[in-house]
Amino acid sequence: MDLAVVIINYRTPKLVIDSLQSLQPQIDSSRHKVMLVDNDSGDDSLPILEQAIKEYQWESWVTLIPSPVNGGFSAGNNVGIKAITAKAYLLLNSDTILRPGAIASLETALEKHPEAGLISPRLEWPDETPQISCFRYHSPISQFIDGAATGPITKLLDAYNVPIPVQNTPFRPQWTSFACVLIRQEVIEQIGLMDEGYFMYFDDVDYCHSAKNAGWNILHWPYARVVHLRRGSGSVKSDVKARKRPRSYLYASRSRYFAKFYGIFGLWLANICWLLGRSIAWIRELINNKQPHTCEYQE
């Protein structure tokens, strides 16, 4: 099998069906298969998806796999990867719509760039506005930048700022969003499956970091375009925007990442840097009588 597309459903069956419909004209069932993993949704997802697969006659290329537990993003993707052997795996969020030719373009990039272990498309909104989807590693300095959220500090330390502005030509970021990412089979054989110690968040930067450490490049390929609706992921972004405390797995994932790649001392340093940055932001907010830019409990 040339390509296996892995999609996780967790209570988003209608989004999954829309995503599969965008995939259908790009799928060659002799070379491509979709592993659709239901992450123990506990709702009516399974019968809805089963009916859609039958109604649209997708049986030849879509396999629905009910997972008995919801182990999170990494675990769900691992279920799909382990279910089939392929030359490459496309991890695809349920809240994505593939633009025409996206699969063929990613396969072209895979063939032309054997040094690239992971390849990501351009993510965009339905109106074609691009989304930032490529990044630098999280580091203690980036935590200081995030905590301060102050323009002059961000500009001064721009080389350590995590988001990378949108680029229209291929380049090699340190890591990329796993809303849609193509992973070469050799990478999985070399570094293993995704770390199931992450329930959600930091799992993508972890895997890219491990792949880079093993000698692989991460390639952003903007010629392949995928709409990312951002309706099927966790609530962390909306929680922070509403100044609510994000779910505990965000903090657990952050701690796991820093301890894994920077050591316990690096984790403590990241915490200290964030607090220092947050102190600067707090002083600025106090002077200017502004509302906090981040959750008041985020420490």
C-alpha atoms as a PDB file:
ATOM      1  CA  MET A   1       0.000   0.000   0.000  1.00  0.00           C
ATOM      2  CA  ASP A   2       1.410   3.400  -0.995  1.00  0.00           C
ATOM      3  CA  LEU A   3      -0.551   5.614   1.383  1.00  0.00           C
ATOM      4  CA  ALA A   4      -2.701   5.074   4.461  1.00  0.00           C
ATOM      5  CA  VAL A   5      -4.764   8.031   5.655  1.00  0.00           C
ATOM      6  CA  VAL A   6      -5.475   7.931   9.392  1.00  0.00           C
ATOM      7  CA  ILE A   7      -8.445   9.931  10.679  1.00  0.00           C
ATOM      8  CA  ILE A   8      -9.560  10.002  14.313  1.00  0.00           C
ATOM      9  CA  ASN A   9     -13.191  10.587  15.162  1.00  0.00           C
ATOM     10  CA  TYR A  10     -14.251  11.745  18.588  1.00  0.00           C
ATOM     11  CA  ARG A  11     -17.873  12.835  18.464  1.00  0.00           C
ATOM     12  CA  THR A  12     -17.427  14.637  15.124  1.00  0.00           C
ATOM     13  CA  PRO A  13     -18.988  12.215  12.601  1.00  0.00           C
ATOM     14  CA  LYS A  14     -20.411  14.940  10.349  1.00  0.00           C
ATOM     15  CA  LEU A  15     -17.014  16.585  10.061  1.00  0.00           C
ATOM     16  CA  VAL A  16     -15.460  13.209   9.256  1.00  0.00           C
ATOM     17  CA  ILE A  17     -17.977  12.599   6.467  1.00  0.00           C
ATOM     18  CA  ASP A  18     -17.198  16.012   4.947  1.00  0.00           C
ATOM     19  CA  SER A  19     -13.486  15.212   5.111  1.00  0.00           C
ATOM     20  CA  LEU A  20     -13.998  11.810   3.457  1.00  0.00           C
ATOM     21  CA  GLN A  21     -16.036  13.414   0.692  1.00  0.00           C
ATOM     22  CA  SER A  22     -13.116  15.736  -0.077  1.00  0.00           C
ATOM     23  CA  LEU A  23     -10.810  12.711  -0.117  1.00  0.00           C
ATOM     24  CA  GLN A  24     -12.963  10.554  -2.393  1.00  0.00           C
ATOM     25  CA  PRO A  25     -11.963  12.025  -5.790  1.00  0.00           C
ATOM     26  CA  GLN A  26      -8.279  11.861  -4.814  1.00  0.00           C
ATOM     27  CA  ILE A  27      -8.266   8.242  -3.662  1.00  0.00           C
ATOM     28  CA  ASP A  28      -7.045   5.353  -5.792  1.00  0.00           C
ATOM     29  CA  SER A  29      -8.350   2.366  -3.850  1.00  0.00           C
ATOM     30  CA  SER A  30      -5.602   0.143  -5.259  1.00  0.00           C
ATOM     31  CA  ARG A  31      -2.916   2.355  -3.662  1.00  0.00           C
ATOM     32  CA  HIS A  32      -4.694   4.308  -0.925  1.00  0.00           C
ATOM     33  CA  LYS A  33      -6.669   3.280   2.149  1.00  0.00           C
ATOM     34  CA  VAL A  34      -8.294   5.233   4.981  1.00  0.00           C
ATOM     35  CA  MET A  35      -8.134   3.956   8.547  1.00  0.00           C
ATOM     36  CA  LEU A  36     -10.958   5.722  10.384  1.00  0.00           C
ATOM     37  CA  VAL A  37     -10.500   5.299  14.137  1.00  0.00           C
ATOM     38  CA  ASP A  38     -13.406   6.057  16.454  1.00  0.00           C
ATOM     39  CA  ASN A  39     -11.763   7.037  19.747  1.00  0.00           C
ATOM     40  CA  ASP A  40     -14.473   5.542  21.974  1.00  0.00           C
ATOM     41  CA  SER A  41     -16.820   8.448  21.259  1.00  0.00           C
ATOM     42  CA  GLY A  42     -19.609   7.011  23.370  1.00  0.00           C
ATOM     43  CA  ASP A  43     -22.280   8.674  21.220  1.00  0.00           C
ATOM     44  CA  ASP A  44     -23.961   7.761  17.935  1.00  0.00           C
ATOM     45  CA  SER A  45     -20.780   8.257  15.876  1.00  0.00           C
ATOM     46  CA  LEU A  46     -20.332   4.611  14.924  1.00  0.00           C
ATOM     47  CA  PRO A  47     -23.771   4.029  13.353  1.00  0.00           C
ATOM     48  CA  ILE A  48     -23.602   7.397  11.572  1.00  0.00           C
ATOM     49  CA  LEU A  49     -20.192   6.586  10.091  1.00  0.00           C
ATOM     50  CA  GLU A  50     -21.166   3.017   9.229  1.00  0.00           C
ATOM     51  CA  GLN A  51     -24.238   4.289   7.398  1.00  0.00           C
ATOM     52  CA  ALA A  52     -22.229   6.923   5.502  1.00  0.00           C
ATOM     53  CA  ILE A  53     -19.610   4.376   4.393  1.00  0.00           C
ATOM     54  CA  LYS A  54     -22.387   2.149   3.088  1.00  0.00           C
ATOM     55  CA  GLU A  55     -24.435   4.947   1.534  1.00  0.00           C
ATOM     56  CA  TYR A  56     -21.511   6.496  -0.341  1.00  0.00           C
ATOM     57  CA  GLN A  57     -20.016   3.103  -1.227  1.00  0.00           C
ATOM     58  CA  TRP A  58     -16.686   3.786   0.458  1.00  0.00           C
ATOM     59  CA  GLU A  59     -16.186   0.190   1.613  1.00  0.00           C
ATOM     60  CA  SER A  60     -13.313  -0.406  -0.821  1.00  0.00           C
ATOM     61  CA  TRP A  61     -11.101   2.263   0.713  1.00  0.00           C
ATOM     62  CA  VAL A  62     -12.431   3.158   4.195  1.00  0.00           C
ATOM     63  CA  THR A  63     -12.018   0.854   7.198  1.00  0.00           C
ATOM     64  CA  LEU A  64     -13.804   1.888  10.398  1.00  0.00           C
ATOM     65  CA  ILE A  65     -11.942   0.832  13.540  1.00  0.00           C
ATOM     66  CA  PRO A  66     -13.735   1.200  16.901  1.00  0.00           C
ATOM     67  CA  SER A  67     -11.192   1.809  19.673  1.00  0.00           C
ATOM     68  CA  PRO A  68     -12.305   0.428  23.056  1.00  0.00           C
ATOM     69  CA  VAL A  69     -10.739   3.396  24.865  1.00  0.00           C
ATOM     70  CA  ASN A  70     -10.038   7.051  24.204  1.00  0.00           C
ATOM     71  CA  GLY A  71      -6.295   7.191  24.751  1.00  0.00           C
ATOM     72  CA  GLY A  72      -5.931  10.613  23.144  1.00  0.00           C
ATOM     73  CA  PHE A  73      -4.510  11.900  19.874  1.00  0.00           C
ATOM     74  CA  SER A  74      -1.282   9.890  19.799  1.00  0.00           C
ATOM     75  CA  ALA A  75      -2.916   6.641  20.864  1.00  0.00           C
ATOM     76  CA  GLY A  76      -5.723   7.014  18.337  1.00  0.00           C
ATOM     77  CA  ASN A  77      -3.304   7.623  15.476  1.00  0.00           C
ATOM     78  CA  ASN A  78      -1.209   4.667  16.582  1.00  0.00           C
ATOM     79  CA  VAL A  79      -4.280   2.432  16.347  1.00  0.00           C
ATOM     80  CA  GLY A  80      -4.727   3.451  12.717  1.00  0.00           C
ATOM     81  CA  ILE A  81      -1.038   3.149  11.844  1.00  0.00           C
ATOM     82  CA  LYS A  82      -0.767  -0.331  13.348  1.00  0.00           C
ATOM     83  CA  ALA A  83      -3.831  -1.508  11.420  1.00  0.00           C
ATOM     84  CA  ILE A  84      -2.122  -1.380   8.013  1.00  0.00           C
ATOM     85  CA  THR A  85       1.340  -1.417   6.436  1.00  0.00           C
ATOM     86  CA  ALA A  86       1.982   1.427   4.014  1.00  0.00           C
ATOM     87  CA  LYS A  87       4.893   3.338   2.507  1.00  0.00           C
ATOM     88  CA  ALA A  88       3.593   6.530   4.124  1.00  0.00           C
ATOM     89  CA  TYR A  89       0.881   7.602   6.548  1.00  0.00           C
ATOM     90  CA  LEU A  90      -1.172  10.777   6.271  1.00  0.00           C
ATOM     91  CA  LEU A  91      -2.481  11.841   9.682  1.00  0.00           C
ATOM     92  CA  LEU A  92      -5.570  13.919   9.035  1.00  0.00           C
ATOM     93  CA  ASN A  93      -7.776  15.776  11.506  1.00  0.00           C
ATOM     94  CA  SER A  94     -11.501  15.217  11.285  1.00  0.00           C
ATOM     95  CA  ASP A  95     -12.003  18.978  10.828  1.00  0.00           C
ATOM     96  CA  THR A  96     -10.119  19.182   7.525  1.00  0.00           C
ATOM     97  CA  ILE A  97     -11.165  19.438   3.887  1.00  0.00           C
ATOM     98  CA  LEU A  98      -8.596  18.586   1.219  1.00  0.00           C
ATOM     99  CA  ARG A  99      -8.319  20.938  -1.715  1.00  0.00           C
ATOM    100  CA  PRO A 100      -8.197  19.205  -5.140  1.00  0.00           C
ATOM    101  CA  GLY A 101      -4.849  17.593  -5.861  1.00  0.00           C
ATOM    102  CA  ALA A 102      -3.590  17.710  -2.263  1.00  0.00           C
ATOM    103  CA  ILE A 103      -2.856  13.967  -2.046  1.00  0.00           C
ATOM    104  CA  ALA A 104      -1.014  13.885  -5.383  1.00  0.00           C
ATOM    105  CA  SER A 105       1.024  16.949  -4.427  1.00  0.00           C
ATOM    106  CA  LEU A 106       2.107  15.456  -1.105  1.00  0.00           C
ATOM    107  CA  GLU A 107       3.060  12.202  -2.821  1.00  0.00           C
ATOM    108  CA  THR A 108       5.154  14.196  -5.300  1.00  0.00           C
ATOM    109  CA  ALA A 109       6.964  15.894  -2.419  1.00  0.00           C
ATOM    110  CA  LEU A 110       7.567  12.525  -0.787  1.00  0.00           C
ATOM    111  CA  GLU A 111       9.190  11.209  -3.974  1.00  0.00           C
ATOM    112  CA  LYS A 112      11.254  14.325  -4.714  1.00  0.00           C
ATOM    113  CA  HIS A 113      12.588  14.778  -1.182  1.00  0.00           C
ATOM    114  CA  PRO A 114      13.805  11.460   0.259  1.00  0.00           C
ATOM    115  CA  GLU A 115      15.518  13.354   3.087  1.00  0.00           C
ATOM    116  CA  ALA A 116      12.134  14.571   4.344  1.00  0.00           C
ATOM    117  CA  GLY A 117      10.659  12.278   6.957  1.00  0.00           C
ATOM    118  CA  LEU A 118       7.566  14.388   7.556  1.00  0.00           C
ATOM    119  CA  ILE A 119       5.793  16.644   5.062  1.00  0.00           C
ATOM    120  CA  SER A 120       3.049  19.126   5.835  1.00  0.00           C
ATOM    121  CA  PRO A 121       0.691  20.993   3.484  1.00  0.00           C
ATOM    122  CA  ARG A 122      -0.438  24.582   3.696  1.00  0.00           C
ATOM    123  CA  LEU A 123      -3.344  24.863   6.131  1.00  0.00           C
ATOM    124  CA  GLU A 124      -5.903  27.520   5.357  1.00  0.00           C
ATOM    125  CA  TRP A 125      -9.363  28.806   6.165  1.00  0.00           C
ATOM    126  CA  PRO A 126     -12.261  28.183   3.766  1.00  0.00           C
ATOM    127  CA  ASP A 127     -11.695  31.647   2.240  1.00  0.00           C
ATOM    128  CA  GLU A 128      -8.103  30.567   1.391  1.00  0.00           C
ATOM    129  CA  THR A 129      -6.514  32.715   4.095  1.00  0.00           C
ATOM    130  CA  PRO A 130      -3.428  30.738   5.223  1.00  0.00           C
ATOM    131  CA  GLN A 131      -2.975  29.614   8.809  1.00  0.00           C
ATOM    132  CA  ILE A 132       0.331  29.550  10.659  1.00  0.00           C
ATOM    133  CA  SER A 133       1.170  25.864  10.873  1.00  0.00           C
ATOM    134  CA  CYS A 134       4.975  25.707  11.113  1.00  0.00           C
ATOM    135  CA  PHE A 135       6.991  26.422  14.197  1.00  0.00           C
ATOM    136  CA  ARG A 136      10.266  26.586  16.107  1.00  0.00           C
ATOM    137  CA  TYR A 137      10.739  24.373  19.139  1.00  0.00           C
ATOM    138  CA  HIS A 138       9.251  25.357  22.456  1.00  0.00           C
ATOM    139  CA  SER A 139      12.125  26.360  24.722  1.00  0.00           C
ATOM    140  CA  PRO A 140      12.635  28.144  28.046  1.00  0.00           C
ATOM    141  CA  ILE A 141      13.203  31.380  26.099  1.00  0.00           C
ATOM    142  CA  SER A 142      10.004  30.894  24.106  1.00  0.00           C
ATOM    143  CA  GLN A 143       8.186  30.446  27.408  1.00  0.00           C
ATOM    144  CA  PHE A 144       9.507  33.850  28.494  1.00  0.00           C
ATOM    145  CA  ILE A 145       8.205  35.330  25.223  1.00  0.00           C
ATOM    146  CA  ASP A 146       4.797  33.697  25.693  1.00  0.00           C
ATOM    147  CA  GLY A 147       4.513  34.849  29.278  1.00  0.00           C
ATOM    148  CA  ALA A 148       5.481  38.441  28.525  1.00  0.00           C
ATOM    149  CA  ALA A 149       3.318  38.773  25.391  1.00  0.00           C
ATOM    150  CA  THR A 150       5.017  42.121  24.798  1.00  0.00           C
ATOM    151  CA  GLY A 151       5.856  43.350  21.311  1.00  0.00           C
ATOM    152  CA  PRO A 152       9.398  44.662  21.966  1.00  0.00           C
ATOM    153  CA  ILE A 153      10.398  41.457  23.779  1.00  0.00           C
ATOM    154  CA  THR A 154       8.945  39.258  21.032  1.00  0.00           C
ATOM    155  CA  LYS A 155      10.799  41.291  18.401  1.00  0.00           C
ATOM    156  CA  LEU A 156      14.084  41.206  20.338  1.00  0.00           C
ATOM    157  CA  LEU A 157      13.902  37.426  20.796  1.00  0.00           C
ATOM    158  CA  ASP A 158      12.255  36.675  17.449  1.00  0.00           C
ATOM    159  CA  ALA A 159      14.706  33.849  16.682  1.00  0.00           C
ATOM    160  CA  TYR A 160      13.190  31.931  19.616  1.00  0.00           C
ATOM    161  CA  ASN A 161       9.548  32.795  18.976  1.00  0.00           C
ATOM    162  CA  VAL A 162       7.589  29.606  18.257  1.00  0.00           C
ATOM    163  CA  PRO A 163       5.286  30.608  15.361  1.00  0.00           C
ATOM    164  CA  ILE A 164       6.905  30.982  11.930  1.00  0.00           C
ATOM    165  CA  PRO A 165       5.129  33.390   9.540  1.00  0.00           C
ATOM    166  CA  VAL A 166       3.386  31.843   6.551  1.00  0.00           C
ATOM    167  CA  GLN A 167       5.681  31.181   3.597  1.00  0.00           C
ATOM    168  CA  ASN A 168       4.631  30.441   0.037  1.00  0.00           C
ATOM    169  CA  THR A 169       7.619  28.306  -0.938  1.00  0.00           C
ATOM    170  CA  PRO A 170       8.830  25.013   0.561  1.00  0.00           C
ATOM    171  CA  PHE A 171      11.045  25.275   3.638  1.00  0.00           C
ATOM    172  CA  ARG A 172      12.189  23.192   6.597  1.00  0.00           C
ATOM    173  CA  PRO A 173      10.668  24.199   9.938  1.00  0.00           C
ATOM    174  CA  GLN A 174      11.637  22.539  13.197  1.00  0.00           C
ATOM    175  CA  TRP A 175       8.119  21.191  13.586  1.00  0.00           C
ATOM    176  CA  THR A 176       4.725  21.363  11.954  1.00  0.00           C
ATOM    177  CA  SER A 177       1.074  20.978  12.872  1.00  0.00           C
ATOM    178  CA  PHE A 178      -0.283  17.434  12.883  1.00  0.00           C
ATOM    179  CA  ALA A 179      -3.709  18.615  11.728  1.00  0.00           C
ATOM    180  CA  CYS A 180      -2.401  17.171   8.465  1.00  0.00           C
ATOM    181  CA  VAL A 181       1.022  15.609   8.110  1.00  0.00           C
ATOM    182  CA  LEU A 182       2.558  12.920   5.910  1.00  0.00           C
ATOM    183  CA  ILE A 183       4.970  10.572   7.691  1.00  0.00           C
ATOM    184  CA  ARG A 184       7.337   8.288   5.831  1.00  0.00           C
ATOM    185  CA  GLN A 185       7.232   4.638   6.932  1.00  0.00           C
ATOM    186  CA  GLU A 186      11.000   4.606   7.521  1.00  0.00           C
ATOM    187  CA  VAL A 187      10.598   7.295  10.175  1.00  0.00           C
ATOM    188  CA  ILE A 188       8.146   5.155  12.124  1.00  0.00           C
ATOM    189  CA  GLU A 189      10.419   2.138  11.762  1.00  0.00           C
ATOM    190  CA  GLN A 190      13.346   4.146  13.130  1.00  0.00           C
ATOM    191  CA  ILE A 191      11.836   6.171  15.995  1.00  0.00           C
ATOM    192  CA  GLY A 192       8.639   4.259  16.693  1.00  0.00           C
ATOM    193  CA  LEU A 193       5.021   5.270  17.014  1.00  0.00           C
ATOM    194  CA  MET A 194       3.757   8.486  18.602  1.00  0.00           C
ATOM    195  CA  ASP A 195       4.306   8.883  22.344  1.00  0.00           C
ATOM    196  CA  GLU A 196       1.061   7.846  24.026  1.00  0.00           C
ATOM    197  CA  GLY A 197       2.142   9.626  27.201  1.00  0.00           C
ATOM    198  CA  TYR A 198       0.591  12.728  25.612  1.00  0.00           C
ATOM    199  CA  PHE A 199      -3.189  12.792  25.648  1.00  0.00           C
ATOM    200  CA  MET A 200      -3.341  15.920  23.499  1.00  0.00           C
ATOM    201  CA  TYR A 201      -0.998  18.811  22.639  1.00  0.00           C
ATOM    202  CA  PHE A 202       2.801  18.775  22.341  1.00  0.00           C
ATOM    203  CA  ASP A 203       2.526  15.353  20.661  1.00  0.00           C
ATOM    204  CA  ASP A 204       3.307  16.852  17.244  1.00  0.00           C
ATOM    205  CA  VAL A 205       6.359  18.844  18.344  1.00  0.00           C
ATOM    206  CA  ASP A 206       7.558  15.787  20.293  1.00  0.00           C
ATOM    207  CA  TYR A 207       7.407  13.539  17.224  1.00  0.00           C
ATOM    208  CA  CYS A 208       9.053  16.119  14.947  1.00  0.00           C
ATOM    209  CA  HIS A 209      11.777  16.707  17.540  1.00  0.00           C
ATOM    210  CA  SER A 210      12.470  12.971  17.739  1.00  0.00           C
ATOM    211  CA  ALA A 211      12.546  12.662  13.946  1.00  0.00           C
ATOM    212  CA  LYS A 212      14.948  15.612  13.641  1.00  0.00           C
ATOM    213  CA  ASN A 213      17.194  14.072  16.300  1.00  0.00           C
ATOM    214  CA  ALA A 214      17.240  10.885  14.203  1.00  0.00           C
ATOM    215  CA  GLY A 215      18.465  12.807  11.143  1.00  0.00           C
ATOM    216  CA  TRP A 216      15.227  13.443   9.250  1.00  0.00           C
ATOM    217  CA  ASN A 217      14.081  16.791   7.843  1.00  0.00           C
ATOM    218  CA  ILE A 218      10.628  18.285   8.299  1.00  0.00           C
ATOM    219  CA  LEU A 219       9.390  19.741   4.994  1.00  0.00           C
ATOM    220  CA  HIS A 220       6.578  22.234   4.583  1.00  0.00           C
ATOM    221  CA  TRP A 221       5.022  21.869   1.124  1.00  0.00           C
ATOM    222  CA  PRO A 222       2.587  24.771   0.547  1.00  0.00           C
ATOM    223  CA  TYR A 223       1.616  23.578  -2.932  1.00  0.00           C
ATOM    224  CA  ALA A 224      -0.652  21.021  -1.244  1.00  0.00           C
ATOM    225  CA  ARG A 225      -3.520  22.866   0.409  1.00  0.00           C
ATOM    226  CA  VAL A 226      -5.867  21.692   3.141  1.00  0.00           C
ATOM    227  CA  VAL A 227      -8.703  23.593   4.788  1.00  0.00           C
ATOM    228  CA  HIS A 228      -8.482  23.374   8.584  1.00  0.00           C
ATOM    229  CA  LEU A 229     -11.769  24.349  10.206  1.00  0.00           C
ATOM    230  CA  ARG A 230     -10.453  24.090  13.785  1.00  0.00           C
ATOM    231  CA  ARG A 231     -13.770  22.710  15.013  1.00  0.00           C
ATOM    232  CA  GLY A 232     -12.760  19.231  16.099  1.00  0.00           C
ATOM    233  CA  SER A 233      -9.805  19.753  18.413  1.00  0.00           C
ATOM    234  CA  GLY A 234      -9.634  20.397  22.132  1.00  0.00           C
ATOM    235  CA  SER A 235     -10.880  23.513  23.878  1.00  0.00           C
ATOM    236  CA  VAL A 236      -7.539  24.905  25.034  1.00  0.00           C
ATOM    237  CA  LYS A 237      -7.427  27.880  22.638  1.00  0.00           C
ATOM    238  CA  SER A 238     -11.002  28.894  23.379  1.00  0.00           C
ATOM    239  CA  ASP A 239     -10.469  28.412  27.104  1.00  0.00           C
ATOM    240  CA  VAL A 240      -7.453  30.722  27.119  1.00  0.00           C
ATOM    241  CA  LYS A 241      -9.267  33.306  25.006  1.00  0.00           C
ATOM    242  CA  ALA A 242     -12.162  33.248  27.478  1.00  0.00           C
ATOM    243  CA  ARG A 243      -9.693  33.403  30.412  1.00  0.00           C
ATOM    244  CA  LYS A 244     -10.751  30.004  31.666  1.00  0.00           C
ATOM    245  CA  ARG A 245      -8.335  27.458  33.048  1.00  0.00           C
ATOM    246  CA  PRO A 246      -7.347  25.079  30.210  1.00  0.00           C
ATOM    247  CA  ARG A 247      -7.753  21.362  30.753  1.00  0.00           C
ATOM    248  CA  SER A 248      -5.138  19.602  32.836  1.00  0.00           C
ATOM    249  CA  TYR A 249      -3.738  17.583  29.940  1.00  0.00           C
ATOM    250  CA  LEU A 250      -2.276  20.765  28.431  1.00  0.00           C
ATOM    251  CA  TYR A 251      -0.067  21.237  31.504  1.00  0.00           C
ATOM    252  CA  ALA A 252       0.751  17.533  31.694  1.00  0.00           C
ATOM    253  CA  SER A 253       1.804  17.488  28.034  1.00  0.00           C
ATOM    254  CA  ARG A 254       3.882  20.638  28.427  1.00  0.00           C
ATOM    255  CA  SER A 255       5.704  19.183  31.426  1.00  0.00           C
ATOM    256  CA  ARG A 256       6.312  15.892  29.619  1.00  0.00           C
ATOM    257  CA  TYR A 257       7.774  17.656  26.587  1.00  0.00           C
ATOM    258  CA  PHE A 258      10.173  19.895  28.501  1.00  0.00           C
ATOM    259  CA  ALA A 259      11.323  17.107  30.818  1.00  0.00           C
ATOM    260  CA  LYS A 260      11.851  14.768  27.839  1.00  0.00           C
ATOM    261  CA  PHE A 261      13.906  17.134  25.671  1.00  0.00           C
ATOM    262  CA  TYR A 262      15.422  19.566  28.204  1.00  0.00           C
ATOM    263  CA  GLY A 263      15.557  17.479  31.369  1.00  0.00           C
ATOM    264  CA  ILE A 264      14.050  18.257  34.768  1.00  0.00           C
ATOM    265  CA  PHE A 265      16.267  21.325  35.082  1.00  0.00           C
ATOM    266  CA  GLY A 266      14.998  22.523  31.691  1.00  0.00           C
ATOM    267  CA  LEU A 267      11.403  22.069  32.845  1.00  0.00           C
ATOM    268  CA  TRP A 268      12.030  24.156  35.945  1.00  0.00           C
ATOM    269  CA  LEU A 269      13.854  26.766  33.847  1.00  0.00           C
ATOM    270  CA  ALA A 270      10.900  26.926  31.442  1.00  0.00           C
ATOM    271  CA  ASN A 271       8.555  27.498  34.380  1.00  0.00           C
ATOM    272  CA  ILE A 272      10.781  30.229  35.804  1.00  0.00           C
ATOM    273  CA  CYS A 273      11.078  31.924  32.403  1.00  0.00           C
ATOM    274  CA  TRP A 274       7.317  31.885  31.951  1.00  0.00           C
ATOM    275  CA  LEU A 275       6.809  33.407  35.397  1.00  0.00           C
ATOM    276  CA  LEU A 276       9.383  36.114  34.667  1.00  0.00           C
ATOM    277  CA  GLY A 277       7.623  36.923  31.409  1.00  0.00           C
ATOM    278  CA  ARG A 278       4.251  36.871  33.110  1.00  0.00           C
ATOM    279  CA  SER A 279       5.545  39.334  35.715  1.00  0.00           C
ATOM    280  CA  ILE A 280       6.442  41.766  32.934  1.00  0.00           C
ATOM    281  CA  ALA A 281       2.994  41.338  31.395  1.00  0.00           C
ATOM    282  CA  TRP A 282       1.330  41.829  34.798  1.00  0.00           C
ATOM    283  CA  ILE A 283       3.212  45.086  35.410  1.00  0.00           C
ATOM    284  CA  ARG A 284       2.294  46.332  31.937  1.00  0.00           C
ATOM    285  CA  GLU A 285      -1.351  45.428  32.471  1.00  0.00           C
ATOM    286  CA  LEU A 286      -1.364  47.100  35.882  1.00  0.00           C
ATOM    287  CA  ILE A 287       0.115  50.334  34.536  1.00  0.00           C
ATOM    288  CA  ASN A 288      -2.189  50.435  31.531  1.00  0.00           C
ATOM    289  CA  ASN A 289      -5.226  49.144  33.447  1.00  0.00           C
ATOM    290  CA  LYS A 290      -5.684  46.273  30.987  1.00  0.00           C
ATOM    291  CA  GLN A 291      -7.296  42.899  31.477  1.00  0.00           C
ATOM    292  CA  PRO A 292      -4.837  39.998  31.783  1.00  0.00           C
ATOM    293  CA  HIS A 293      -3.764  38.682  28.362  1.00  0.00           C
ATOM    294  CA  THR A 294      -3.802  35.139  29.637  1.00  0.00           C
ATOM    295  CA  CYS A 295      -5.600  32.995  32.167  1.00  0.00           C
ATOM    296  CA  GLU A 296      -4.947  34.255  35.657  1.00  0.00           C
ATOM    297  CA  TYR A 297      -4.430  30.664  36.838  1.00  0.00           C
ATOM    298  CA  GLN A 298      -1.993  29.724  34.106  1.00  0.00           C
ATOM    299  CA  GLU A 299       1.247  29.233  36.028  1.00  0.00           C
END
